[in-house]
Amino acid sequence: MGAIGMATLLGPVLRLRGQDHQNNVWRISALVCVEEGSAPPTLSFLVGGIDYVAPSIQLWAIRGAESYRFDLDIPLADQAQVLRYWVSASDEEWTVQIPARQHQPVFAFGSCNGYSSLKLKKSVDDSDALWKHMALRHQAVGYNALLLGGDQVYSDAMWELITELEDWNDRLWDDPLKVVIPEGLAEKLLNHFFIEMYCRRWSQAPVRAILAQIPTIMMWDDHDIMDGWGSYKEAWAQNPVYRLIFETASRCFELFQLHGSMADPVFIPGRAAGYSQLYHFSGVSLLVPDLRAERRLDQVISPATWKAIYSKLESPPTDPDRATIPCKHLLVMSSIPVMHARFGQIESILGWTPGQQELEDDLHDHWSSRPHRGERVRLIHRLLEYSRRENVRVTILSGDVHVAAHATIYSSREGEPSTKHTLVQLTSSGIVHPAPPAIMRFALNTLFDDDEEIDQGIVGRMEKMPGDERRYVASRNWLSLERDDPQRSLGRLWANWFAEEDVEHPFTRVIHPIG
């Protein structure tokens, strides 16, 4: 077989399944998709001088494609390790960086890996320029995990590429609930669109190289389903065609982004309501709430799911001696920014800005949209309370808005000094999707520079980017989260935004631990 082999449709794609503190194991899975009828792939790996053969699980077999997951459980050592692995008889060798037992992982973060329209795609010279740059940085830094915060694929083209869907969309329906699903649409959505979309996009050489070397933690956003999912009127959101699209997107999200392993301990109990996850690593935890599965115009996440999320967050893991694993830094991956330019102001601007009305769905999506403000305030209160009670720094990682930005939420409630109890938000978007139109960039950096009073004693501020006068950098970008000192297990976190406008000189912010 050659380097990849004609039978391979996609892969390997790595996923980080968490750190098992009880058994001192770093848990990874690899996804490989092959043509129907191909010989089942195998995966062997070498780490710590020992050869292993990873067990395989066939996830599904549908017309034209078969998919397999391989589980790799790597014993952690006192020093960082390099894992080497091979798929089947390929002469292609991949390497993975495994952190030391007591060391905080090194993360990369990105979002918006695609285009919402063909016109935008034509405006970019090299779609994967920043993926190529991430690969170069990985050689120097050695990322342990890649956090992907939404829109890993863009489904927008289905309305033009699937004839049955295009024809259906052109019809006028008096009652959305009486919509009829066109014959053959289910098969075309799954077999001829979503599966093909994932395989095509993730098989691009620069993207494939990263996905095969850095284990991912992914959470979907609207374009992984359909633009604006969850921000439509309830009657339309429940019509049979939209539900079919959601169910198809969910099935593919589970396969390609989660590797069909929803029974992993990282998932919040009651997963039927969504795909929220919580990871505990050495010194740092990562909360990944699902902001799409339960989203409605008046709700982002249901109260029952929020309760389950906080319950799991407040039940940290223990080591073999039953000692609680300490956490000094909580990362919260919110696909939609918690703090951004206030969209009520943007709505008023768009009212007289020609050609911008297509952004209306995005306005309804955001945390600052009027129906979501109460839920947003409750989230901020809970994160501030957790930070204060546990003496833990909390940092929010966000994407979606196609700019680089950062914000601080200050609290002076209960007599606490506002410099200590703050939430930091880092926004990085998109790694492929271009920046907003010029008029929006102008508005963001000139009209929305005042602080926001979120609640009594709680103020949010969009900060100027480090070393720059702009609050929003309108350039494709990705984010690197690196330890202060590779030889220390814990410490300050260096956030580096690598923006395409000047990729050699990142915007850098240092985030200090509390205490």
Protein backbone atom coordinates (compact mmCIF):
# COMPACT_ATOMS: atom_id res chain seq x y z
CA MET A 1 0.00 0.00 0.00
CA GLY A 2 1.22 3.56 -0.64
CA ALA A 3 1.51 6.38 1.85
CA ILE A 4 -2.24 6.65 2.38
CA GLY A 5 -3.81 4.03 0.11
CA MET A 6 -6.71 4.48 -2.31
CA ALA A 7 -9.16 2.78 0.07
CA THR A 8 -8.82 5.43 2.78
CA LEU A 9 -11.52 8.10 2.75
CA LEU A 10 -10.45 9.97 5.88
CA GLY A 11 -7.95 9.77 8.68
CA PRO A 12 -6.36 9.22 10.93
CA VAL A 13 -8.19 11.85 13.01
CA LEU A 14 -7.18 11.97 16.68
CA ARG A 15 -9.43 12.78 19.62
CA LEU A 16 -8.34 13.34 23.23
CA ARG A 17 -10.58 11.28 25.51
CA GLY A 18 -9.10 12.68 28.71
CA GLN A 19 -6.56 12.00 31.44
CA ASP A 20 -7.33 9.02 33.66
CA HIS A 21 -5.87 10.05 37.02
CA GLN A 22 -6.75 6.80 38.78
CA ASN A 23 -4.78 4.70 36.30
CA ASN A 24 -2.24 7.37 35.27
CA VAL A 25 -3.20 7.11 31.60
CA TRP A 26 -3.49 9.58 28.71
CA ARG A 27 -6.45 8.45 26.57
CA ILE A 28 -6.61 9.05 22.82
CA SER A 29 -8.73 7.64 20.01
CA ALA A 30 -8.03 7.58 16.27
CA LEU A 31 -10.73 7.54 13.58
CA VAL A 32 -10.11 5.98 10.16
CA CYS A 33 -12.76 5.82 7.41
CA VAL A 34 -12.28 3.51 4.43
CA GLU A 35 -14.20 2.58 1.32
CA GLU A 36 -16.87 -0.06 1.72
CA GLY A 37 -15.44 -3.54 1.29
CA SER A 38 -11.86 -2.56 2.14
CA ALA A 39 -9.81 -4.69 4.49
CA PRO A 40 -10.31 -3.44 8.06
CA PRO A 41 -7.45 -1.06 8.97
CA THR A 42 -5.07 -1.73 11.85
CA LEU A 43 -3.12 0.69 14.05
CA SER A 44 0.14 0.01 15.87
CA PHE A 45 2.03 2.45 18.07
CA LEU A 46 5.29 2.78 19.95
CA VAL A 47 5.75 4.73 23.20
CA GLY A 48 8.17 4.36 26.10
CA GLY A 49 10.09 1.72 24.16
CA ILE A 50 7.09 -0.63 24.04
CA ASP A 51 5.14 -1.67 20.92
CA TYR A 52 1.34 -1.86 21.06
CA VAL A 53 -1.49 -2.81 18.73
CA ALA A 54 -4.58 -0.68 19.37
CA PRO A 55 -7.92 -2.49 19.57
CA SER A 56 -10.40 -1.45 16.89
CA ILE A 57 -14.15 -0.90 16.97
CA GLN A 58 -16.23 -0.65 13.81
CA LEU A 59 -18.49 2.36 14.36
CA TRP A 60 -20.72 2.08 11.34
CA ALA A 61 -20.90 0.70 7.83
CA ILE A 62 -23.10 2.52 5.37
CA ARG A 63 -23.20 2.48 1.62
CA GLY A 64 -19.78 3.46 0.37
CA ALA A 65 -18.01 3.94 3.71
CA GLU A 66 -16.90 2.08 6.80
CA SER A 67 -15.44 3.73 9.90
CA TYR A 68 -13.22 2.39 12.68
CA ARG A 69 -12.08 3.76 16.02
CA PHE A 70 -8.82 2.76 17.69
CA ASP A 71 -8.35 3.42 21.41
CA LEU A 72 -4.84 4.26 22.61
CA ASP A 73 -4.27 4.30 26.38
CA ILE A 74 -0.78 5.67 27.05
CA PRO A 75 0.84 5.29 30.51
CA LEU A 76 2.06 8.72 31.64
CA ALA A 77 5.69 9.16 32.74
CA ASP A 78 7.54 11.76 34.80
CA GLN A 79 8.85 13.26 31.56
CA ALA A 80 7.12 14.17 28.30
CA GLN A 81 7.02 11.39 25.70
CA VAL A 82 6.66 11.06 21.93
CA LEU A 83 4.22 8.45 20.65
CA ARG A 84 4.77 7.10 17.13
CA TYR A 85 2.02 5.28 15.24
CA TRP A 86 1.21 3.68 11.89
CA VAL A 87 -2.10 2.76 10.22
CA SER A 88 -2.24 -0.60 8.40
CA ALA A 89 0.68 -1.27 6.06
CA SER A 90 1.29 2.41 5.36
CA ASP A 91 4.84 3.72 5.42
CA GLU A 92 3.43 6.98 6.81
CA GLU A 93 4.55 7.54 10.41
CA TRP A 94 2.76 9.99 12.70
CA THR A 95 3.95 11.37 16.04
CA VAL A 96 1.97 12.63 19.04
CA GLN A 97 3.28 14.67 21.98
CA ILE A 98 2.31 13.18 25.36
CA PRO A 99 2.72 15.47 28.41
CA ALA A 100 4.52 14.57 31.62
CA ARG A 101 2.35 13.14 34.39
CA GLN A 102 2.18 16.29 36.54
CA HIS A 103 2.41 18.89 33.76
CA GLN A 104 -0.36 21.10 32.47
CA PRO A 105 -1.01 20.33 28.77
CA VAL A 106 -0.13 22.75 26.00
CA PHE A 107 -3.15 23.72 23.92
CA ALA A 108 -3.91 25.20 20.52
CA PHE A 109 -7.36 26.66 19.84
CA GLY A 110 -9.19 27.44 16.62
CA SER A 111 -12.66 27.81 15.14
CA CYS A 112 -14.50 28.43 11.88
CA ASN A 113 -12.74 26.01 9.53
CA GLY A 114 -14.57 26.88 6.32
CA TYR A 115 -16.70 29.37 4.42
CA SER A 116 -20.32 30.40 4.71
CA SER A 117 -20.44 31.24 0.98
CA LEU A 118 -18.56 30.53 -2.25
CA LYS A 119 -17.98 34.28 -2.66
CA LEU A 120 -15.99 34.36 0.59
CA LYS A 121 -13.94 31.36 -0.47
CA LYS A 122 -12.92 33.11 -3.68
CA SER A 123 -11.70 36.10 -1.65
CA VAL A 124 -8.92 34.06 0.02
CA ASP A 125 -5.63 33.14 -1.67
CA ASP A 126 -4.74 30.16 0.55
CA SER A 127 -7.55 28.59 2.58
CA ASP A 128 -5.23 26.63 4.82
CA ALA A 129 -2.44 29.15 5.37
CA LEU A 130 -2.99 29.20 9.14
CA TRP A 131 -3.20 25.41 9.39
CA LYS A 132 0.25 25.36 7.77
CA HIS A 133 1.47 27.91 10.31
CA MET A 134 0.05 25.86 13.20
CA ALA A 135 2.02 22.87 11.92
CA LEU A 136 5.24 24.90 12.07
CA ARG A 137 4.45 26.11 15.58
CA HIS A 138 3.65 22.55 16.64
CA GLN A 139 7.16 21.51 15.66
CA ALA A 140 8.56 24.12 18.05
CA VAL A 141 6.05 23.89 20.93
CA GLY A 142 4.57 20.38 20.77
CA TYR A 143 0.83 20.77 21.40
CA ASN A 144 -0.82 18.10 23.53
CA ALA A 145 -4.36 18.97 22.47
CA LEU A 146 -6.17 21.00 19.80
CA LEU A 147 -9.38 22.64 21.00
CA LEU A 148 -11.79 23.32 18.14
CA GLY A 149 -14.59 25.62 19.23
CA GLY A 150 -17.18 25.27 16.50
CA ASP A 151 -17.85 25.30 12.77
CA GLN A 152 -15.34 22.54 12.06
CA VAL A 153 -17.25 22.13 8.79
CA TYR A 154 -19.71 24.38 6.96
CA SER A 155 -22.96 22.81 5.76
CA ASP A 156 -24.27 25.98 4.04
CA ALA A 157 -23.74 24.60 0.52
CA MET A 158 -26.39 21.88 1.00
CA TRP A 159 -29.12 24.35 0.00
CA GLU A 160 -27.51 24.67 -3.43
CA LEU A 161 -25.97 21.21 -3.95
CA ILE A 162 -28.99 19.07 -2.99
CA THR A 163 -31.69 19.61 -5.63
CA GLU A 164 -34.50 18.25 -3.44
CA LEU A 165 -33.55 20.68 -0.66
CA GLU A 166 -33.28 23.63 -3.01
CA ASP A 167 -36.71 22.89 -4.52
CA TRP A 168 -38.25 22.39 -1.08
CA ASN A 169 -36.79 25.68 0.15
CA ASP A 170 -38.35 27.55 -2.78
CA ARG A 171 -41.87 26.41 -1.84
CA LEU A 172 -44.21 28.41 0.39
CA TRP A 173 -45.47 26.41 3.38
CA ASP A 174 -48.56 27.59 5.25
CA ASP A 175 -47.88 25.31 8.23
CA PRO A 176 -44.25 24.37 8.95
CA LEU A 177 -45.30 21.27 10.89
CA LYS A 178 -47.07 19.92 7.80
CA VAL A 179 -43.90 20.11 5.73
CA VAL A 180 -43.28 16.95 3.70
CA ILE A 181 -39.75 15.52 3.53
CA PRO A 182 -38.79 15.15 -0.15
CA GLU A 183 -38.25 11.56 -1.28
CA GLY A 184 -34.60 10.55 -1.13
CA LEU A 185 -33.52 13.56 0.94
CA ALA A 186 -32.42 11.55 3.98
CA GLU A 187 -30.00 9.44 1.93
CA LYS A 188 -28.61 12.43 0.05
CA LEU A 189 -28.05 14.41 3.24
CA LEU A 190 -26.14 11.61 4.92
CA ASN A 191 -24.38 9.70 2.13
CA HIS A 192 -23.89 12.38 -0.48
CA PHE A 193 -23.44 15.54 1.57
CA PHE A 194 -22.46 15.38 5.25
CA ILE A 195 -20.12 12.38 5.03
CA GLU A 196 -18.59 13.66 1.81
CA MET A 197 -18.23 17.16 3.35
CA TYR A 198 -16.27 15.88 6.35
CA CYS A 199 -14.06 13.60 4.25
CA ARG A 200 -13.30 16.28 1.69
CA ARG A 201 -12.60 19.12 4.14
CA TRP A 202 -10.56 17.14 6.65
CA SER A 203 -8.56 15.34 3.95
CA GLN A 204 -6.97 18.58 2.75
CA ALA A 205 -3.26 17.99 3.36
CA PRO A 206 -2.58 20.81 5.90
CA VAL A 207 -5.71 20.02 7.92
CA ARG A 208 -5.14 16.26 7.77
CA ALA A 209 -1.56 16.63 9.01
CA ILE A 210 -2.72 18.49 12.13
CA LEU A 211 -5.66 16.18 12.87
CA ALA A 212 -3.34 13.17 12.65
CA GLN A 213 -0.77 14.61 15.10
CA ILE A 214 -2.64 16.67 17.71
CA PRO A 215 -5.53 14.99 19.57
CA THR A 216 -8.65 17.15 19.33
CA ILE A 217 -11.44 18.19 21.64
CA MET A 218 -14.28 19.53 19.50
CA MET A 219 -17.65 21.15 20.10
CA TRP A 220 -20.02 21.97 17.30
CA ASP A 221 -21.69 25.28 16.46
CA ASP A 222 -24.40 26.23 14.01
CA HIS A 223 -22.58 25.66 10.70
CA ASP A 224 -21.80 22.07 11.70
CA ILE A 225 -25.61 21.72 11.55
CA MET A 226 -27.09 24.61 9.55
CA ASP A 227 -26.60 28.36 9.74
CA GLY A 228 -28.38 29.85 12.76
CA TRP A 229 -29.51 26.51 14.20
CA GLY A 230 -31.48 27.10 17.39
CA SER A 231 -32.21 30.75 16.61
CA TYR A 232 -35.30 30.19 14.47
CA LYS A 233 -38.91 30.52 15.52
CA GLU A 234 -40.03 27.33 17.23
CA ALA A 235 -42.53 26.32 14.53
CA TRP A 236 -39.83 26.31 11.89
CA ALA A 237 -37.21 24.75 14.13
CA GLN A 238 -39.47 21.72 14.60
CA ASN A 239 -40.50 21.20 10.98
CA PRO A 240 -39.65 17.71 9.65
CA VAL A 241 -36.98 18.82 7.16
CA TYR A 242 -35.05 20.90 9.70
CA ARG A 243 -35.27 18.05 12.21
CA LEU A 244 -33.91 15.65 9.58
CA ILE A 245 -30.98 18.00 8.95
CA PHE A 246 -30.30 18.23 12.70
CA GLU A 247 -30.48 14.46 13.19
CA THR A 248 -28.15 13.86 10.23
CA ALA A 249 -25.69 16.50 11.46
CA SER A 250 -25.84 14.97 14.97
CA ARG A 251 -25.06 11.51 13.64
CA CYS A 252 -22.04 12.82 11.75
CA PHE A 253 -20.92 14.98 14.68
CA GLU A 254 -20.93 11.90 16.89
CA LEU A 255 -18.90 9.94 14.36
CA PHE A 256 -16.35 12.42 13.05
CA GLN A 257 -15.90 14.80 15.98
CA LEU A 258 -16.62 12.51 18.97
CA HIS A 259 -15.58 9.14 17.48
CA GLY A 260 -18.77 7.51 18.68
CA SER A 261 -17.50 7.38 22.26
CA MET A 262 -20.25 9.23 24.14
CA ALA A 263 -19.96 6.80 27.04
CA ASP A 264 -16.59 8.32 28.01
CA PRO A 265 -16.52 9.75 31.56
CA VAL A 266 -15.86 13.25 30.19
CA PHE A 267 -19.49 13.60 29.07
CA ILE A 268 -21.97 15.29 31.38
CA PRO A 269 -24.59 12.81 32.69
CA GLY A 270 -27.84 13.03 30.80
CA ARG A 271 -26.13 13.30 27.42
CA ALA A 272 -29.48 12.84 25.67
CA ALA A 273 -29.91 16.59 26.08
CA GLY A 274 -26.58 17.43 24.44
CA TYR A 275 -22.86 16.74 24.19
CA SER A 276 -21.43 18.86 27.02
CA GLN A 277 -18.08 17.62 28.35
CA LEU A 278 -15.68 18.20 31.26
CA TYR A 279 -11.99 17.25 31.27
CA HIS A 280 -9.64 17.27 34.26
CA PHE A 281 -5.93 17.46 33.44
CA SER A 282 -2.99 18.12 35.72
CA GLY A 283 -3.56 21.60 37.11
CA VAL A 284 -6.18 22.63 34.56
CA SER A 285 -9.76 21.64 33.80
CA LEU A 286 -11.68 22.18 30.57
CA LEU A 287 -15.45 22.67 30.48
CA VAL A 288 -17.02 22.28 27.03
CA PRO A 289 -20.74 23.11 27.14
CA ASP A 290 -22.93 22.26 24.15
CA LEU A 291 -24.58 25.53 23.10
CA ARG A 292 -26.54 24.04 20.18
CA ALA A 293 -28.33 20.79 21.04
CA GLU A 294 -30.93 22.46 23.30
CA ARG A 295 -30.82 25.98 21.89
CA ARG A 296 -34.07 27.84 21.29
CA LEU A 297 -34.89 31.51 20.86
CA ASP A 298 -35.43 31.78 24.62
CA GLN A 299 -32.79 29.28 25.83
CA VAL A 300 -29.19 28.28 25.20
CA ILE A 301 -28.99 25.28 27.59
CA SER A 302 -31.85 23.84 29.64
CA PRO A 303 -31.87 24.37 33.44
CA ALA A 304 -31.57 20.60 33.97
CA THR A 305 -28.41 20.42 31.86
CA TRP A 306 -26.89 23.46 33.58
CA LYS A 307 -27.52 21.72 36.90
CA ALA A 308 -25.77 18.57 35.67
CA ILE A 309 -22.83 20.63 34.36
CA TYR A 310 -22.27 22.43 37.66
CA SER A 311 -22.70 19.22 39.63
CA LYS A 312 -19.96 17.52 37.61
CA LEU A 313 -17.72 20.59 37.80
CA GLU A 314 -17.96 20.58 41.59
CA SER A 315 -17.05 16.88 41.83
CA PRO A 316 -13.34 16.80 40.89
CA PRO A 317 -11.53 13.50 40.29
CA THR A 318 -9.16 11.85 42.74
CA ASP A 319 -5.82 10.07 42.40
CA PRO A 320 -5.19 6.44 43.50
CA ASP A 321 -4.67 7.68 47.08
CA ARG A 322 -8.14 9.28 46.95
CA ALA A 323 -6.65 12.76 47.08
CA THR A 324 -8.50 15.39 45.03
CA ILE A 325 -6.72 16.43 41.83
CA PRO A 326 -5.98 20.16 42.26
CA CYS A 327 -7.17 22.61 39.62
CA LYS A 328 -5.66 26.09 39.40
CA HIS A 329 -7.13 27.11 36.06
CA LEU A 330 -10.55 26.38 34.53
CA LEU A 331 -10.91 26.83 30.77
CA VAL A 332 -14.47 27.20 29.49
CA MET A 333 -14.96 26.65 25.77
CA SER A 334 -17.97 28.75 24.75
CA SER A 335 -18.49 28.59 20.99
CA ILE A 336 -20.30 31.96 21.18
CA PRO A 337 -18.44 34.76 23.04
CA VAL A 338 -19.88 35.59 26.44
CA MET A 339 -18.47 39.11 26.12
CA HIS A 340 -18.51 40.92 22.78
CA ALA A 341 -19.75 44.14 21.21
CA ARG A 342 -23.33 44.63 22.34
CA PHE A 343 -25.51 43.36 19.57
CA GLY A 344 -28.37 45.73 20.33
CA GLN A 345 -26.05 48.48 19.15
CA ILE A 346 -24.99 46.47 16.12
CA GLU A 347 -28.64 45.87 15.22
CA SER A 348 -29.23 49.62 15.13
CA ILE A 349 -26.16 50.05 12.91
CA LEU A 350 -27.25 47.29 10.56
CA GLY A 351 -30.63 48.97 10.22
CA TRP A 352 -29.05 51.55 7.98
CA THR A 353 -26.13 49.54 6.61
CA PRO A 354 -27.01 48.23 3.11
CA GLY A 355 -26.48 44.53 2.51
CA GLN A 356 -25.92 43.52 6.14
CA GLN A 357 -29.39 42.16 6.95
CA GLU A 358 -28.13 38.60 6.37
CA LEU A 359 -26.38 38.87 9.76
CA GLU A 360 -29.72 38.95 11.58
CA ASP A 361 -29.62 35.25 12.54
CA ASP A 362 -26.16 35.77 14.05
CA LEU A 363 -27.53 38.54 16.24
CA HIS A 364 -30.15 36.20 17.71
CA ASP A 365 -27.40 33.64 18.34
CA HIS A 366 -25.36 35.74 20.74
CA TRP A 367 -25.33 35.70 24.53
CA SER A 368 -26.15 39.42 24.60
CA SER A 369 -29.30 38.91 22.52
CA ARG A 370 -32.21 40.03 24.69
CA PRO A 371 -33.79 36.56 25.25
CA HIS A 372 -30.41 35.13 26.40
CA ARG A 373 -29.28 37.92 28.73
CA GLY A 374 -30.68 36.39 31.89
CA GLU A 375 -29.02 33.04 31.19
CA ARG A 376 -25.78 34.87 30.43
CA VAL A 377 -25.87 36.74 33.76
CA ARG A 378 -26.47 33.48 35.63
CA LEU A 379 -23.50 31.85 33.83
CA ILE A 380 -21.21 34.76 34.73
CA HIS A 381 -22.32 34.65 38.37
CA ARG A 382 -21.66 30.91 38.59
CA LEU A 383 -18.20 31.20 37.05
CA LEU A 384 -17.27 34.10 39.35
CA GLU A 385 -18.59 32.17 42.33
CA TYR A 386 -16.58 29.09 41.33
CA SER A 387 -13.43 31.18 40.88
CA ARG A 388 -13.85 32.82 44.28
CA ARG A 389 -14.77 29.68 46.21
CA GLU A 390 -12.11 27.40 44.68
CA ASN A 391 -9.46 30.09 44.24
CA VAL A 392 -9.25 29.14 40.56
CA ARG A 393 -8.56 31.32 37.54
CA VAL A 394 -11.35 31.07 34.94
CA THR A 395 -10.67 31.75 31.25
CA ILE A 396 -13.29 31.57 28.51
CA LEU A 397 -12.27 30.48 25.00
CA SER A 398 -14.58 31.59 22.20
CA GLY A 399 -14.85 31.71 18.42
CA ASP A 400 -17.67 32.39 15.94
CA VAL A 401 -17.24 36.15 15.33
CA HIS A 402 -14.33 36.02 12.81
CA VAL A 403 -12.03 38.36 14.74
CA ALA A 404 -9.33 38.11 17.38
CA ALA A 405 -10.29 39.81 20.63
CA HIS A 406 -10.08 39.57 24.38
CA ALA A 407 -12.22 40.79 27.23
CA THR A 408 -12.28 41.01 31.01
CA ILE A 409 -15.30 40.71 33.29
CA TYR A 410 -14.62 42.40 36.63
CA SER A 411 -16.52 41.81 39.87
CA SER A 412 -16.48 44.07 42.92
CA ARG A 413 -19.40 42.34 44.61
CA GLU A 414 -19.23 41.12 48.20
CA GLY A 415 -16.38 43.53 48.94
CA GLU A 416 -13.85 41.50 46.93
CA PRO A 417 -11.16 43.44 45.04
CA SER A 418 -12.08 43.52 41.35
CA THR A 419 -8.49 42.80 40.29
CA LYS A 420 -8.65 39.34 41.88
CA HIS A 421 -12.06 38.04 40.88
CA THR A 422 -12.21 38.43 37.13
CA LEU A 423 -13.10 36.31 34.16
CA VAL A 424 -10.82 36.52 31.13
CA GLN A 425 -12.16 35.78 27.66
CA LEU A 426 -9.98 34.98 24.64
CA THR A 427 -11.69 35.02 21.23
CA SER A 428 -10.05 33.44 18.19
CA SER A 429 -11.89 33.10 14.88
CA GLY A 430 -11.59 32.08 12.15
CA ILE A 431 -8.74 29.85 11.21
CA VAL A 432 -10.17 29.71 7.66
CA HIS A 433 -13.25 31.95 7.49
CA PRO A 434 -12.44 35.56 6.50
CA ALA A 435 -13.07 38.60 8.70
CA PRO A 436 -16.37 40.57 8.65
CA PRO A 437 -17.06 43.26 6.02
CA ALA A 438 -15.19 46.57 6.24
CA ILE A 439 -18.17 48.49 7.62
CA MET A 440 -18.51 45.99 10.47
CA ARG A 441 -14.79 46.19 11.23
CA PHE A 442 -15.03 49.97 11.36
CA ALA A 443 -18.04 49.83 13.68
CA LEU A 444 -16.43 47.33 16.04
CA ASN A 445 -13.27 49.36 16.52
CA THR A 446 -14.77 52.86 16.64
CA LEU A 447 -18.31 52.68 18.02
CA PHE A 448 -18.31 49.98 20.70
CA ASP A 449 -15.59 50.96 23.16
CA ASP A 450 -17.59 51.58 26.34
CA ASP A 451 -17.77 49.23 29.33
CA GLU A 452 -20.88 47.12 29.84
CA GLU A 453 -22.58 46.90 33.21
CA ILE A 454 -23.61 43.24 33.22
CA ASP A 455 -25.10 43.30 36.71
CA GLN A 456 -24.67 45.35 39.86
CA GLY A 457 -20.95 45.34 40.65
CA ILE A 458 -20.07 43.31 37.53
CA VAL A 459 -18.60 45.12 34.54
CA GLY A 460 -17.37 43.73 31.21
CA ARG A 461 -14.77 45.39 29.04
CA MET A 462 -13.46 44.64 25.58
CA GLU A 463 -9.74 45.26 26.03
CA LYS A 464 -7.34 46.64 23.45
CA MET A 465 -5.30 43.88 21.89
CA PRO A 466 -1.81 43.65 23.43
CA GLY A 467 0.51 46.20 21.82
CA ASP A 468 -2.26 47.49 19.55
CA GLU A 469 -4.95 50.16 19.61
CA ARG A 470 -7.64 47.86 18.21
CA ARG A 471 -10.11 45.91 20.29
CA TYR A 472 -10.93 43.62 17.38
CA VAL A 473 -8.30 42.36 14.94
CA ALA A 474 -10.09 41.59 11.69
CA SER A 475 -7.70 39.00 10.34
CA ARG A 476 -7.87 35.21 10.20
CA ASN A 477 -6.20 33.83 13.31
CA TRP A 478 -5.66 30.97 15.74
CA LEU A 479 -4.69 30.86 19.42
CA SER A 480 -1.80 29.16 21.23
CA LEU A 481 -2.01 28.50 25.00
CA GLU A 482 1.42 27.72 26.38
CA ARG A 483 2.87 27.15 29.84
CA ASP A 484 5.03 29.83 31.39
CA ASP A 485 7.99 27.45 31.70
CA PRO A 486 8.08 24.01 30.03
CA GLN A 487 10.02 22.68 33.03
CA ARG A 488 7.36 23.74 35.54
CA SER A 489 4.13 21.83 35.99
CA LEU A 490 1.99 24.91 36.65
CA GLY A 491 2.27 28.67 36.33
CA ARG A 492 1.26 31.54 34.11
CA LEU A 493 -0.51 30.87 30.81
CA TRP A 494 0.77 32.61 27.70
CA ALA A 495 -1.97 33.32 25.17
CA ASN A 496 -0.62 34.03 21.68
CA TRP A 497 -2.91 35.04 18.83
CA PHE A 498 -1.32 34.33 15.47
CA ALA A 499 -3.08 36.61 12.97
CA GLU A 500 -2.61 36.29 9.23
CA GLU A 501 -1.91 40.01 8.85
CA ASP A 502 1.47 39.50 10.62
CA VAL A 503 1.83 35.86 11.59
CA GLU A 504 5.45 36.29 12.75
CA HIS A 505 4.50 38.70 15.55
CA PRO A 506 1.67 37.33 17.70
CA PHE A 507 -0.49 39.33 20.07
CA THR A 508 0.47 38.06 23.52
CA ARG A 509 -1.36 38.20 26.83
CA VAL A 510 -0.16 36.56 30.03
CA ILE A 511 -2.82 35.12 32.35
CA HIS A 512 -1.70 34.79 35.96
CA PRO A 513 -2.97 32.12 38.32
CA ILE A 514 -4.87 33.18 41.43
CA GLY A 515 -3.09 32.88 44.74
